[in-house]
Structures are given as C-alpha cells and as structure tokens.
C-alpha cells in the first residue's frame, strides 16, 4: 500500500521532472493530482488534509480553501503516470513508468527489511535477508555441534573455548579426541589412562619435573613416599601457623578497627541522609513523569482513532466521487444521443412527424 502524500522518487530523477508536477504541500511528485480554483496542484490526500485544518489556505497563494472547489486534473495525472523513473533501493536496476513504481517498490528484491533475529536492528536487502539471518548475523541462533547448547553466532567462538565436549589433545601422551571435560580424569596419576604424567606432588615442592611412564611414576611415588609426606606436613603446618596468627590478633587492635569504622560511618551520616532525601524526591518526580507519559499515550491513542475514522470518511467520499463520475459519463452519452437525434430531425424534416408520434 502506498504511503500518504506524493511519490518519493530517487533524487537522481528529480532533475528530469517538471516543477509543476510537484505537490504544493508535501513537495513530492503528485499522486492523484487535483487542481484548486486558484490554479495550484495538490495530491488528493494532501489537499484533504489541508482542508481539515482550521482556516485552510493555499500553500502557494494564500487564498482560503474553505469554500474553494477542486477537481481531478486528468491531464496532469496522465503526465505523471508516464514519467520514467528508477528504483529508489540501492542495488536495483529497475526503471519504468511512475504508474508502476509503487507495485515495484513494494515487491523489490532490494527493498530494506529488518533482520528477524532478536537483538539485531540491521536493515538488509530482501534478497539477502535469509543469508544474513542464517550465516552473517551475530545474533543468529545456532547449536553447538559438540554439546547441542543453544548459542548465537557471536557467542559460539567463546563457548567453544570452554565447551566440555570439544575434543582436545592430551599434551602428555599425545592422544587425540578426548572431551575437554574428561581430560583431568584422563591425566589422573592414580586412576587415569594417560601413559605419561608428572608427579602429582610437583606443585607442593617435589623436585622431579619430568614426564614419566605409568610404571616409572608408580616407582617414583613408592620411593619418594617419605619425601612427599614431609611436603604435605610442611603445607599443613604453614596453614596452621597462618590461622594461629590471625586468631592471636590483639583484642585492642580489633576494638580500634571497630571504633574507626564507627567514626567513618558517623562522619558520612549526613551524606547518607541527603542521598535518601534526594532518592525520595526522584521517586516523586518519576511518578509524575509516568503519569504524564500515560496521559500522552492516551492522547496518541485518541488521535489514532480519529485518524482512522477520517481515513474511512475519505475512502467513502472517494467512492462517492467515483460513482458521480460514472453518472456524469452516462449523462454525457445520453446528451450526445439526443444531439444526434436533433441534428437528424433538422437534416431530414420528414422525420419530425415520426419523432412527434414517438
């Protein structure tokens, strides 16, 4: 469906269009051109809108349109319909008569369409929309091929970095295709399947820093049992000493810390009370703003309802005008028939007696 107002043609076509083919109100190429008694041209719907205003006046000469008649300018309409224009959508090579312009633009394969993926606000050419949504858009929904987790194309790469089902290679033994989540079990020095491993006490201080086969690892753990046990004892003693030092903190220092905290809170109590008061004021302002927005929304709804009723009235008037035009055409045909009959009577006087009898 065409938008209200004139035809919105590409800027590159404007220099080929005569100045008298533009609407006096909207400034676009005339759609359903009508001419007023003062001789100026309007789009039909634009003139209807102007006439609904208070004290309507012509945009060109300023004369009042309130009692002024207007009529369809069929000559201008034919001239507009025959204009050669190109498609306004980038990438489209269509060109043709302006009367076909709306039908083309509404179905043009290069017309901009909004991406359907949630979170993406990009407009894409209709012919490229499916490819964009499925393969290019970072908000497109995809499934992880390893764990079937729902992701977006933008988050898929980050997910693959932590996905527990992605196959990885064991750096110790070189075995491939181990799920990442099972790698630690595979490397477990006691129950794992890895054929090469480090001493599990290396992180606690064991000096053996070599990859060992399972047989060599078992021998190392057996021979170094005492040394490994001492490492664990030292680790436990170190943790115990830290806990004792924390527990043995002087009671006076704890009280001093508490007093300092109380003094800090007291020093900033005025700020807290000010902030709370300001928050209350902001809450009142927010409620007032919400009520105002609700009133605006209600007014917009009323305007929309009024516009819908006016559009229905315009449509009814348009249908009435069309019916009147049909009636006028029929009357013109009847008058032409009568004129021909009168001419025949004057040309052949003997027919006059026949006409009287009829």
Protein backbone atom coordinates (compact mmCIF):
# COMPACT_ATOMS: atom_id res chain seq x y z
CA UNK A 1 0.00 0.00 0.00
CA UNK A 2 1.39 3.42 -0.96
CA UNK A 3 2.24 5.90 1.77
CA UNK A 4 0.10 9.09 2.03
CA UNK A 5 1.40 12.01 0.03
CA UNK A 6 3.26 12.13 -3.27
CA UNK A 7 5.62 9.69 -4.95
CA UNK A 8 9.04 9.55 -3.28
CA UNK A 9 11.29 9.03 -6.29
CA UNK A 10 15.12 8.89 -6.23
CA UNK A 11 16.92 12.25 -6.13
CA UNK A 12 18.67 11.38 -9.40
CA UNK A 13 15.28 11.53 -11.19
CA UNK A 14 14.20 14.94 -9.88
CA UNK A 15 16.08 16.99 -12.47
CA UNK A 16 14.09 15.29 -15.25
CA UNK A 17 10.68 16.17 -13.76
CA UNK A 18 8.93 19.44 -14.44
CA UNK A 19 8.43 21.78 -11.46
CA UNK A 20 4.65 21.86 -11.96
CA UNK A 21 4.39 18.13 -11.21
CA UNK A 22 5.23 18.51 -7.52
CA UNK A 23 2.61 18.80 -4.76
CA UNK A 24 2.12 22.25 -3.26
CA UNK A 25 2.06 20.73 0.27
CA UNK A 26 4.23 17.63 0.61
CA UNK A 27 6.71 18.61 -2.12
CA UNK A 28 6.79 15.14 -3.70
CA UNK A 29 5.64 14.14 -7.20
CA UNK A 30 1.85 14.48 -7.42
CA UNK A 31 -0.19 11.40 -6.57
CA UNK A 32 -3.82 11.56 -7.83
CA UNK A 33 -3.34 15.21 -8.84
CA UNK A 34 -6.18 17.66 -8.12
CA UNK A 35 -6.32 21.36 -9.05
CA UNK A 36 -7.93 24.08 -6.97
CA UNK A 37 -9.86 27.06 -8.34
CA UNK A 38 -6.78 29.21 -7.74
CA UNK A 39 -4.91 27.01 -10.24
CA UNK A 40 -2.49 25.16 -7.93
CA UNK A 41 -1.91 21.40 -7.83
CA UNK A 42 -2.05 19.07 -4.83
CA UNK A 43 -2.01 15.36 -4.13
CA UNK A 44 -5.61 14.38 -3.46
CA UNK A 45 -4.95 13.17 0.06
CA UNK A 46 -2.72 16.18 0.83
CA UNK A 47 -5.50 18.59 -0.13
CA UNK A 48 -7.98 16.65 2.00
CA UNK A 49 -5.63 17.01 4.98
CA UNK A 50 -5.16 20.75 4.38
CA UNK A 51 -8.90 21.34 4.12
CA UNK A 52 -9.48 19.67 7.51
CA UNK A 53 -7.34 22.32 9.20
CA UNK A 54 -8.71 25.47 10.78
CA UNK A 55 -8.89 28.30 8.22
CA UNK A 56 -7.26 26.27 5.41
CA UNK A 57 -5.31 28.31 2.89
CA UNK A 58 -3.48 27.51 -0.34
CA UNK A 59 0.22 26.89 0.25
CA UNK A 60 1.13 28.78 -2.92
CA UNK A 61 -1.06 31.89 -3.00
CA UNK A 62 -2.58 32.01 0.50
CA UNK A 63 -6.21 32.12 -0.68
CA UNK A 64 -8.76 30.44 1.55
CA UNK A 65 -9.59 26.86 0.56
CA UNK A 66 -12.60 26.60 2.84
CA UNK A 67 -15.20 27.33 0.13
CA UNK A 68 -12.95 26.74 -2.87
CA UNK A 69 -13.76 23.86 -5.20
CA UNK A 70 -11.19 21.43 -6.61
CA UNK A 71 -11.31 18.88 -9.38
CA UNK A 72 -9.16 15.97 -10.64
CA UNK A 73 -6.59 17.09 -13.19
CA UNK A 74 -6.56 14.08 -15.50
CA UNK A 75 -4.08 15.64 -17.90
CA UNK A 76 -1.50 16.04 -15.11
CA UNK A 77 -2.29 12.55 -13.83
CA UNK A 78 -1.52 11.06 -17.25
CA UNK A 79 1.65 13.14 -17.46
CA UNK A 80 2.79 11.92 -14.02
CA UNK A 81 1.94 8.29 -14.80
CA UNK A 82 4.13 8.42 -17.93
CA UNK A 83 7.24 9.74 -16.11
CA UNK A 84 10.30 7.49 -16.39
CA UNK A 85 11.88 6.76 -13.00
CA UNK A 86 14.35 4.32 -11.46
CA UNK A 87 14.04 2.29 -8.24
CA UNK A 88 15.00 4.08 -5.02
CA UNK A 89 16.52 0.93 -3.48
CA UNK A 90 20.31 0.61 -3.71
CA UNK A 91 21.45 -2.20 -5.99
CA UNK A 92 18.22 -2.41 -8.01
CA UNK A 93 18.39 -1.63 -11.73
CA UNK A 94 14.63 -1.35 -12.34
CA UNK A 95 13.31 1.57 -14.40
CA UNK A 96 9.85 2.19 -15.79
CA UNK A 97 6.77 4.39 -15.72
CA UNK A 98 5.83 6.06 -12.44
CA UNK A 99 2.39 4.41 -12.50
CA UNK A 100 4.17 1.06 -11.89
CA UNK A 101 6.53 2.49 -9.27
CA UNK A 102 4.56 1.58 -6.12
CA UNK A 103 3.96 -2.00 -7.22
CA UNK A 104 7.67 -2.47 -7.90
CA UNK A 105 8.94 -0.83 -4.70
CA UNK A 106 6.59 -2.93 -2.55
CA UNK A 107 7.95 -6.16 -4.09
CA UNK A 108 11.50 -5.04 -4.97
CA UNK A 109 14.09 -7.73 -4.10
CA UNK A 110 16.39 -4.94 -2.84
CA UNK A 111 13.83 -3.27 -0.54
CA UNK A 112 15.20 -2.88 3.02
CA UNK A 113 13.83 -5.36 5.57
CA UNK A 114 14.60 -5.61 9.30
CA UNK A 115 16.58 -8.68 10.42
CA UNK A 116 14.33 -11.07 12.36
CA UNK A 117 16.98 -12.16 14.89
CA UNK A 118 16.37 -10.81 18.38
CA UNK A 119 18.86 -8.07 19.22
CA UNK A 120 19.73 -7.22 15.60
CA UNK A 121 18.33 -3.91 14.31
CA UNK A 122 20.01 -4.01 10.91
CA UNK A 123 18.07 -3.39 7.67
CA UNK A 124 19.08 -5.80 4.90
CA UNK A 125 18.01 -6.12 1.25
CA UNK A 126 15.15 -8.62 0.99
CA UNK A 127 17.12 -10.84 -1.40
CA UNK A 128 19.97 -11.10 1.12
CA UNK A 129 17.88 -11.36 4.30
CA UNK A 130 17.87 -15.17 4.61
CA UNK A 131 21.65 -15.40 4.09
CA UNK A 132 22.22 -12.61 6.65
CA UNK A 133 19.95 -14.16 9.29
CA UNK A 134 21.38 -17.67 8.91
CA UNK A 135 25.07 -17.06 8.22
CA UNK A 136 26.15 -13.44 8.84
CA UNK A 137 24.15 -12.06 11.76
CA UNK A 138 25.99 -12.32 15.09
CA UNK A 139 22.58 -12.64 16.80
CA UNK A 140 21.58 -15.68 14.72
CA UNK A 141 20.73 -18.76 16.77
CA UNK A 142 22.98 -21.81 16.29
CA UNK A 143 23.58 -25.08 18.16
CA UNK A 144 26.98 -26.19 19.39
CA UNK A 145 27.91 -29.22 17.29
CA UNK A 146 29.50 -30.92 20.30
CA UNK A 147 27.09 -30.38 23.22
CA UNK A 148 23.95 -29.03 21.44
CA UNK A 149 23.99 -25.92 23.61
CA UNK A 150 21.91 -23.06 22.08
CA UNK A 151 24.21 -20.16 21.23
CA UNK A 152 24.40 -17.15 18.93
CA UNK A 153 26.90 -16.85 16.11
CA UNK A 154 28.61 -14.08 18.08
CA UNK A 155 29.00 -16.17 21.28
CA UNK A 156 29.74 -19.52 19.63
CA UNK A 157 33.50 -19.00 19.48
CA UNK A 158 33.69 -18.09 23.19
CA UNK A 159 31.55 -21.12 24.02
CA UNK A 160 33.87 -23.43 22.07
CA UNK A 161 36.77 -22.24 24.24
CA UNK A 162 35.13 -23.73 27.35
CA UNK A 163 32.76 -26.38 25.94
CA UNK A 164 33.33 -29.62 27.92
CA UNK A 165 32.56 -31.80 24.88
CA UNK A 166 35.06 -30.25 22.46
CA UNK A 167 37.69 -32.90 21.54
CA UNK A 168 41.23 -31.93 22.62
CA UNK A 169 44.69 -33.49 22.56
CA UNK A 170 46.45 -34.66 25.69
CA UNK A 171 49.72 -32.70 25.91
CA UNK A 172 51.35 -35.50 27.94
CA UNK A 173 50.70 -38.63 25.88
CA UNK A 174 49.50 -37.13 22.58
CA UNK A 175 46.16 -38.98 22.41
CA UNK A 176 43.59 -37.09 20.29
CA UNK A 177 39.82 -36.56 20.56
CA UNK A 178 39.50 -36.54 24.34
CA UNK A 179 36.48 -34.48 25.52
CA UNK A 180 37.78 -31.42 27.35
CA UNK A 181 35.68 -32.22 30.42
CA UNK A 182 37.30 -35.68 30.73
CA UNK A 183 40.89 -34.51 30.29
CA UNK A 184 41.57 -34.17 34.03
CA UNK A 185 40.29 -37.72 34.63
CA UNK A 186 42.45 -38.94 31.78
CA UNK A 187 45.56 -37.34 33.37
CA UNK A 188 44.79 -38.53 36.91
CA UNK A 189 48.02 -40.18 38.15
CA UNK A 190 46.15 -42.87 40.09
CA UNK A 191 43.06 -43.87 38.08
CA UNK A 192 43.68 -42.16 34.77
CA UNK A 193 44.55 -43.69 31.41
CA UNK A 194 47.35 -41.30 30.40
CA UNK A 195 50.58 -43.18 29.63
CA UNK A 196 52.81 -40.24 30.62
CA UNK A 197 52.36 -37.95 33.60
CA UNK A 198 54.09 -35.65 36.06
CA UNK A 199 54.50 -36.29 39.75
CA UNK A 200 51.30 -35.00 41.46
CA UNK A 201 53.47 -33.56 44.31
CA UNK A 202 55.39 -31.32 41.92
CA UNK A 203 53.16 -28.33 42.80
CA UNK A 204 53.93 -28.86 46.51
CA UNK A 205 57.68 -28.85 46.09
CA UNK A 206 58.77 -32.20 44.56
CA UNK A 207 61.95 -31.63 42.55
CA UNK A 208 61.08 -34.26 39.91
CA UNK A 209 59.92 -32.26 36.91
CA UNK A 210 59.86 -34.91 34.19
CA UNK A 211 57.14 -36.75 32.27
CA UNK A 212 57.16 -40.35 33.42
CA UNK A 213 55.53 -43.50 32.18
CA UNK A 214 52.94 -45.05 34.48
CA UNK A 215 55.49 -47.68 35.62
CA UNK A 216 58.15 -45.03 36.37
CA UNK A 217 55.56 -42.84 38.12
CA UNK A 218 54.48 -45.67 40.41
CA UNK A 219 58.12 -46.38 41.26
CA UNK A 220 58.76 -42.68 41.93
CA UNK A 221 55.73 -42.44 44.24
CA UNK A 222 56.84 -45.57 46.13
CA UNK A 223 60.45 -44.48 46.53
CA UNK A 224 59.57 -40.89 47.40
CA UNK A 225 56.77 -41.67 49.83
CA UNK A 226 58.58 -40.19 52.84
CA UNK A 227 59.68 -37.07 50.99
CA UNK A 228 56.19 -36.47 49.66
CA UNK A 229 54.71 -36.95 53.15
CA UNK A 230 57.07 -34.31 54.56
CA UNK A 231 55.95 -31.88 51.86
CA UNK A 232 52.32 -32.37 52.93
CA UNK A 233 53.25 -31.91 56.62
CA UNK A 234 55.00 -28.63 55.86
CA UNK A 235 51.98 -27.50 53.88
CA UNK A 236 49.64 -28.25 56.78
CA UNK A 237 51.98 -26.59 59.32
CA UNK A 238 52.16 -23.45 57.22
CA UNK A 239 48.36 -23.22 57.08
CA UNK A 240 48.11 -23.82 60.84
CA UNK A 241 50.61 -21.05 61.63
CA UNK A 242 48.70 -18.57 59.50
CA UNK A 243 45.42 -19.43 61.25
CA UNK A 244 47.06 -19.03 64.68
CA UNK A 245 48.50 -15.63 63.79
CA UNK A 246 45.11 -14.44 62.64
CA UNK A 247 43.42 -15.81 65.79
CA UNK A 248 46.10 -14.26 68.08
CA UNK A 249 45.49 -10.72 66.86
CA UNK A 250 45.36 -8.34 69.85
CA UNK A 251 41.87 -7.63 71.09
CA UNK A 252 42.77 -3.96 71.39
CA UNK A 253 43.55 -3.69 67.69
CA UNK A 254 40.18 -5.24 66.82
CA UNK A 255 38.42 -2.67 69.04
CA UNK A 256 40.42 0.10 67.44
CA UNK A 257 39.35 -1.05 63.98
CA UNK A 258 35.68 -1.13 65.08
CA UNK A 259 35.92 2.40 66.56
CA UNK A 260 37.47 3.70 63.35
CA UNK A 261 34.67 2.13 61.30
CA UNK A 262 32.01 3.70 63.57
CA UNK A 263 33.67 7.12 63.29
CA UNK A 264 33.80 6.79 59.49
CA UNK A 265 30.09 5.93 59.35
CA UNK A 266 29.20 8.84 61.67
CA UNK A 267 31.25 11.25 59.55
CA UNK A 268 29.29 10.31 56.45
CA UNK A 269 25.82 10.03 58.02
CA UNK A 270 24.87 13.47 56.64
CA UNK A 271 25.67 12.26 53.13
CA UNK A 272 23.52 9.18 53.60
CA UNK A 273 20.55 11.20 54.83
CA UNK A 274 20.95 13.64 51.91
CA UNK A 275 21.04 10.78 49.43
CA UNK A 276 17.93 9.18 50.93
CA UNK A 277 16.06 12.50 50.76
CA UNK A 278 17.13 13.01 47.15
CA UNK A 279 16.02 9.48 46.31
CA UNK A 280 12.58 10.28 47.70
CA UNK A 281 12.39 13.41 45.55
CA UNK A 282 13.46 11.47 42.48
CA UNK A 283 10.80 8.86 43.20
CA UNK A 284 8.11 11.58 43.29
CA UNK A 285 9.43 13.07 40.02
CA UNK A 286 9.44 9.65 38.41
CA UNK A 287 5.82 9.02 39.41
CA UNK A 288 4.82 12.41 37.97
CA UNK A 289 6.66 11.62 34.72
CA UNK A 290 4.98 8.21 34.46
CA UNK A 291 1.55 9.81 34.93
CA UNK A 292 2.37 12.40 32.25
CA UNK A 293 3.52 9.70 29.83
CA UNK A 294 0.31 7.79 30.44
CA UNK A 295 -1.68 10.92 29.54
CA UNK A 296 0.37 11.39 26.37
CA UNK A 297 -0.16 7.74 25.39
CA UNK A 298 -3.92 8.15 25.88
CA UNK A 299 -3.89 11.29 23.72
CA UNK A 300 -1.95 9.49 20.99
CA UNK A 301 -4.49 6.65 21.05
CA UNK A 302 -7.34 9.15 20.66
CA UNK A 303 -5.55 10.81 17.72
CA UNK A 304 -5.02 7.39 16.10
CA UNK A 305 -8.72 6.61 16.48
CA UNK A 306 -9.63 9.99 14.96
CA UNK A 307 -7.25 9.45 12.04
CA UNK A 308 -8.73 6.01 11.37
CA UNK A 309 -12.24 7.48 11.29
CA UNK A 310 -11.10 10.28 8.97
CA UNK A 311 -9.44 7.80 6.61
CA UNK A 312 -12.70 5.85 6.45
CA UNK A 313 -14.55 9.10 5.68
CA UNK A 314 -12.03 9.93 2.92
CA UNK A 315 -12.48 6.48 1.42
CA UNK A 316 -16.28 6.87 1.45
CA UNK A 317 -16.03 10.30 -0.22
CA UNK A 318 -13.68 8.89 -2.83
CA UNK A 319 -16.17 6.12 -3.65
CA UNK A 320 -18.94 8.71 -3.89
CA UNK A 321 -16.89 10.84 -6.32
CA UNK A 322 -16.21 7.75 -8.47
CA UNK A 323 -19.93 6.99 -8.62
CA UNK A 324 -20.70 10.61 -9.58
CA UNK A 325 -18.13 10.43 -12.37
CA UNK A 326 -19.83 7.31 -13.75
CA UNK A 327 -23.22 9.09 -13.59
CA UNK A 328 -21.81 12.13 -15.42
CA UNK A 329 -20.37 9.92 -18.13
CA UNK A 330 -23.72 8.24 -18.62
CA UNK A 331 -25.48 11.64 -18.82
CA UNK A 332 -22.90 12.81 -21.38
CA UNK A 333 -23.67 9.75 -23.52
CA UNK A 334 -27.44 10.46 -23.29
CA UNK A 335 -26.95 14.11 -24.26
CA UNK A 336 -24.82 13.07 -27.25
CA UNK A 337 -27.58 10.69 -28.39
CA UNK A 338 -30.19 13.50 -28.12
CA UNK A 339 -27.96 15.90 -30.05
CA UNK A 340 -27.56 13.39 -32.85
CA UNK A 341 -31.33 12.91 -32.95
CA UNK A 342 -31.92 16.69 -33.15
CA UNK A 343 -29.42 17.03 -35.98
CA UNK A 344 -31.15 14.21 -37.86
CA UNK A 345 -34.54 15.94 -37.46
CA UNK A 346 -33.21 19.21 -38.86
CA UNK A 347 -31.47 17.39 -41.67
CA UNK A 348 -34.49 15.27 -42.59
CA UNK A 349 -37.73 17.23 -41.87
CA UNK A 350 -39.85 14.20 -42.75
CA UNK A 351 -38.63 12.60 -39.51
CA UNK A 352 -40.25 15.26 -37.37
CA UNK A 353 -43.69 13.64 -37.70
CA UNK A 354 -42.17 10.31 -36.63
CA UNK A 355 -40.49 11.96 -33.62
CA UNK A 356 -43.83 13.54 -32.59
CA UNK A 357 -45.59 10.19 -32.75
CA UNK A 358 -42.79 8.63 -30.67
